[in-house]
C-alpha atoms as a PDB file:
ATOM      1  CA  MET A   1     -21.022 -95.957 -31.089  1.00  0.00           C
ATOM      2  CA  GLN A   2     -24.219 -94.004 -30.477  1.00  0.00           C
ATOM      3  CA  SER A   3     -26.371 -97.040 -31.313  1.00  0.00           C
ATOM      4  CA  GLU A   4     -24.297 -99.227 -28.964  1.00  0.00           C
ATOM      5  CA  LEU A   5     -24.718 -96.743 -26.125  1.00  0.00           C
ATOM      6  CA  SER A   6     -28.450 -96.532 -26.805  1.00  0.00           C
ATOM      7  CA  GLY A   7     -28.685-100.325 -26.642  1.00  0.00           C
ATOM      8  CA  ILE A   8     -26.834-100.382 -23.325  1.00  0.00           C
ATOM      9  CA  LEU A   9     -29.081 -97.696 -21.846  1.00  0.00           C
ATOM     10  CA  GLU A  10     -32.230 -99.536 -23.020  1.00  0.00           C
ATOM     11  CA  HIS A  11     -30.935-102.705 -21.372  1.00  0.00           C
ATOM     12  CA  VAL A  12     -30.291-100.819 -18.107  1.00  0.00           C
ATOM     13  CA  ASP A  13     -33.868 -99.445 -18.256  1.00  0.00           C
ATOM     14  CA  ARG A  14     -35.239-102.984 -18.668  1.00  0.00           C
ATOM     15  CA  ILE A  15     -33.228-104.212 -15.685  1.00  0.00           C
ATOM     16  CA  GLN A  16     -34.400-101.290 -13.526  1.00  0.00           C
ATOM     17  CA  SER A  17     -38.023-102.172 -14.288  1.00  0.00           C
ATOM     18  CA  LEU A  18     -37.611-105.637 -12.721  1.00  0.00           C
ATOM     19  CA  ASP A  19     -38.797-106.331  -9.161  1.00  0.00           C
ATOM     20  CA  LEU A  20     -35.673-107.735  -7.536  1.00  0.00           C
ATOM     21  CA  SER A  21     -36.732-107.191  -3.913  1.00  0.00           C
ATOM     22  CA  GLU A  22     -36.892-110.952  -3.271  1.00  0.00           C
ATOM     23  CA  VAL A  23     -33.579-111.725  -4.996  1.00  0.00           C
ATOM     24  CA  GLU A  24     -30.635-112.263  -2.673  1.00  0.00           C
ATOM     25  CA  PRO A  25     -27.486-110.369  -3.711  1.00  0.00           C
ATOM     26  CA  THR A  26     -24.668-112.542  -5.082  1.00  0.00           C
ATOM     27  CA  SER A  27     -21.145-112.030  -6.291  1.00  0.00           C
ATOM     28  CA  HIS A  28     -21.256-114.968  -8.738  1.00  0.00           C
ATOM     29  CA  VAL A  29     -24.042-116.522 -10.759  1.00  0.00           C
ATOM     30  CA  VAL A  30     -22.861-120.065  -9.969  1.00  0.00           C
ATOM     31  CA  ALA A  31     -21.794-121.562  -6.670  1.00  0.00           C
ATOM     32  CA  LEU A  32     -18.055-121.534  -6.116  1.00  0.00           C
ATOM     33  CA  GLU A  33     -16.168-124.448  -4.638  1.00  0.00           C
ATOM     34  CA  ASN A  34     -12.606-124.594  -3.426  1.00  0.00           C
ATOM     35  CA  VAL A  35     -10.846-126.752  -6.010  1.00  0.00           C
ATOM     36  CA  MET A  36      -7.369-126.351  -4.562  1.00  0.00           C
ATOM     37  CA  ARG A  37      -5.534-129.027  -2.672  1.00  0.00           C
ATOM     38  CA  PRO A  38      -5.548-128.956   1.138  1.00  0.00           C
ATOM     39  CA  ASP A  39      -2.947-126.623   2.615  1.00  0.00           C
ATOM     40  CA  GLU A  40      -0.610-129.082   4.294  1.00  0.00           C
ATOM     41  CA  PRO A  41       2.935-128.255   5.389  1.00  0.00           C
ATOM     42  CA  ARG A  42       5.737-130.108   3.648  1.00  0.00           C
ATOM     43  CA  PRO A  43       9.522-129.777   3.510  1.00  0.00           C
ATOM     44  CA  SER A  44      10.781-126.853   1.470  1.00  0.00           C
ATOM     45  CA  LEU A  45      13.832-126.498  -0.717  1.00  0.00           C
ATOM     46  CA  PRO A  46      17.040-126.033   1.319  1.00  0.00           C
ATOM     47  CA  ARG A  47      18.309-122.448   1.197  1.00  0.00           C
ATOM     48  CA  GLU A  48      21.633-123.458  -0.348  1.00  0.00           C
ATOM     49  CA  ARG A  49      19.895-125.338  -3.165  1.00  0.00           C
ATOM     50  CA  ALA A  50      17.548-122.409  -3.841  1.00  0.00           C
ATOM     51  CA  LEU A  51      20.497-120.000  -4.060  1.00  0.00           C
ATOM     52  CA  GLU A  52      22.573-122.208  -6.417  1.00  0.00           C
ATOM     53  CA  PRO A  53      21.342-120.488  -9.620  1.00  0.00           C
ATOM     54  CA  ALA A  54      21.568-116.990  -8.100  1.00  0.00           C
ATOM     55  CA  PRO A  55      24.257-114.924  -9.881  1.00  0.00           C
ATOM     56  CA  ASP A  56      25.259-112.964  -6.756  1.00  0.00           C
ATOM     57  CA  PRO A  57      23.800-114.282  -3.464  1.00  0.00           C
ATOM     58  CA  TYR A  58      24.560-112.274  -0.321  1.00  0.00           C
ATOM     59  CA  GLU A  59      24.378-113.541   3.276  1.00  0.00           C
ATOM     60  CA  GLY A  60      21.997-116.399   2.432  1.00  0.00           C
ATOM     61  CA  ALA A  61      19.599-114.330   0.328  1.00  0.00           C
ATOM     62  CA  PHE A  62      19.094-113.219  -3.277  1.00  0.00           C
ATOM     63  CA  ARG A  63      20.810-109.942  -4.105  1.00  0.00           C
ATOM     64  CA  VAL A  64      18.892-107.662  -6.452  1.00  0.00           C
ATOM     65  CA  PRO A  65      19.988-104.398  -8.034  1.00  0.00           C
ATOM     66  CA  SER A  66      19.026-101.209  -6.288  1.00  0.00           C
ATOM     67  CA  PRO A  67      16.184 -99.384  -8.076  1.00  0.00           C
ATOM     68  CA  ASN A  68      18.446 -96.318  -8.091  1.00  0.00           C
ATOM     69  CA  ALA A  69      21.308 -98.123  -9.806  1.00  0.00           C
END
């Protein structure tokens, strides 16, 4: 582990010796593009249909156990 740490520290020293004053800061090394579909509204599942598989629905919502139960 000592040799690995030494290698890491040597690499950090090499990076610190570089003149990066003209380099613009980035968060990613490649340009990112939004690859998701457009956010367009569309009809959702009816509440009754969504609650069909629920074991114990209550007043139109899913009932979950209390964390203290």
